Amino acid sequence: MKRSFVYALEAQNELAGIVRYTARQWGAAQARKYAAQLDAAANDLASGQGVFKAWMMCLRGCA
């Protein structure tokens, strides 16, 4: 799958931590599956595909 975006360094580091945690908790196979799902969702979001909440909806109650 061709990416329509580039992860920022901080995002790469966060995702690496998530994958390491997932591998420790549920094993390498699950970590690979989860990483692929996260990457696919990020690609869909960047290309305007998929169903996602509007960003401002995520901020409600965070004032």
Protein backbone atom coordinates (compact mmCIF):
# COMPACT_ATOMS: atom_id res chain seq x y z
CA MET A 1 0.00 0.00 0.00
CA LYS A 2 1.41 3.37 -1.02
CA ARG A 3 1.37 5.95 1.76
CA SER A 4 -0.14 9.35 1.10
CA PHE A 5 1.65 10.83 4.13
CA VAL A 6 4.89 10.76 6.11
CA TYR A 7 4.96 10.09 9.86
CA ALA A 8 6.60 12.80 11.96
CA LEU A 9 9.54 11.56 14.04
CA GLU A 10 7.51 11.89 17.25
CA ALA A 11 4.67 9.86 15.71
CA GLN A 12 7.15 7.17 14.61
CA ASN A 13 8.50 6.96 18.15
CA GLU A 14 5.01 6.76 19.66
CA LEU A 15 3.95 4.03 17.24
CA ALA A 16 7.14 2.07 17.93
CA GLY A 17 6.34 2.21 21.65
CA ILE A 18 2.78 1.04 21.02
CA VAL A 19 4.03 -1.87 18.93
CA ARG A 20 6.63 -2.85 21.56
CA TYR A 21 3.99 -2.77 24.31
CA THR A 22 1.59 -4.82 22.19
CA ALA A 23 4.32 -7.39 21.49
CA ARG A 24 5.12 -7.72 25.21
CA GLN A 25 1.47 -8.08 26.18
CA TRP A 26 0.04 -10.15 23.32
CA GLY A 27 2.96 -11.41 21.22
CA ALA A 28 4.78 -10.49 18.02
CA ALA A 29 2.08 -11.74 15.65
CA GLN A 30 -0.57 -9.54 17.27
CA ALA A 31 1.83 -6.58 17.29
CA ARG A 32 2.42 -6.94 13.54
CA LYS A 33 -1.32 -7.19 12.90
CA TYR A 34 -2.06 -4.14 15.05
CA ALA A 35 0.75 -2.10 13.45
CA ALA A 36 -0.64 -2.89 10.00
CA GLN A 37 -4.14 -1.84 11.11
CA LEU A 38 -2.84 1.43 12.57
CA ASP A 39 -0.87 2.17 9.41
CA ALA A 40 -3.87 1.41 7.18
CA ALA A 41 -6.11 3.68 9.28
CA ALA A 42 -3.56 6.51 9.12
CA ASN A 43 -3.32 6.10 5.35
CA ASP A 44 -7.12 6.18 5.01
CA LEU A 45 -7.30 9.30 7.15
CA ALA A 46 -4.58 11.05 5.13
CA SER A 47 -6.27 10.19 1.84
CA GLY A 48 -9.75 11.23 3.01
CA GLN A 49 -11.15 7.70 3.02
CA GLY A 50 -12.84 5.84 5.82
CA VAL A 51 -15.09 7.06 8.59
CA PHE A 52 -13.53 9.36 11.16
CA LYS A 53 -14.87 11.88 13.65
CA ALA A 54 -14.33 15.53 12.95
CA TRP A 55 -11.28 16.72 14.92
CA MET A 56 -13.29 19.31 16.86
CA MET A 57 -15.63 16.58 18.14
CA CYS A 58 -12.63 14.96 19.81
CA LEU A 59 -11.92 18.16 21.75
CA ARG A 60 -15.35 18.57 23.34
CA GLY A 61 -15.04 18.89 27.09
CA CYS A 62 -11.29 19.54 26.96
CA ALA A 63 -11.47 23.26 27.69
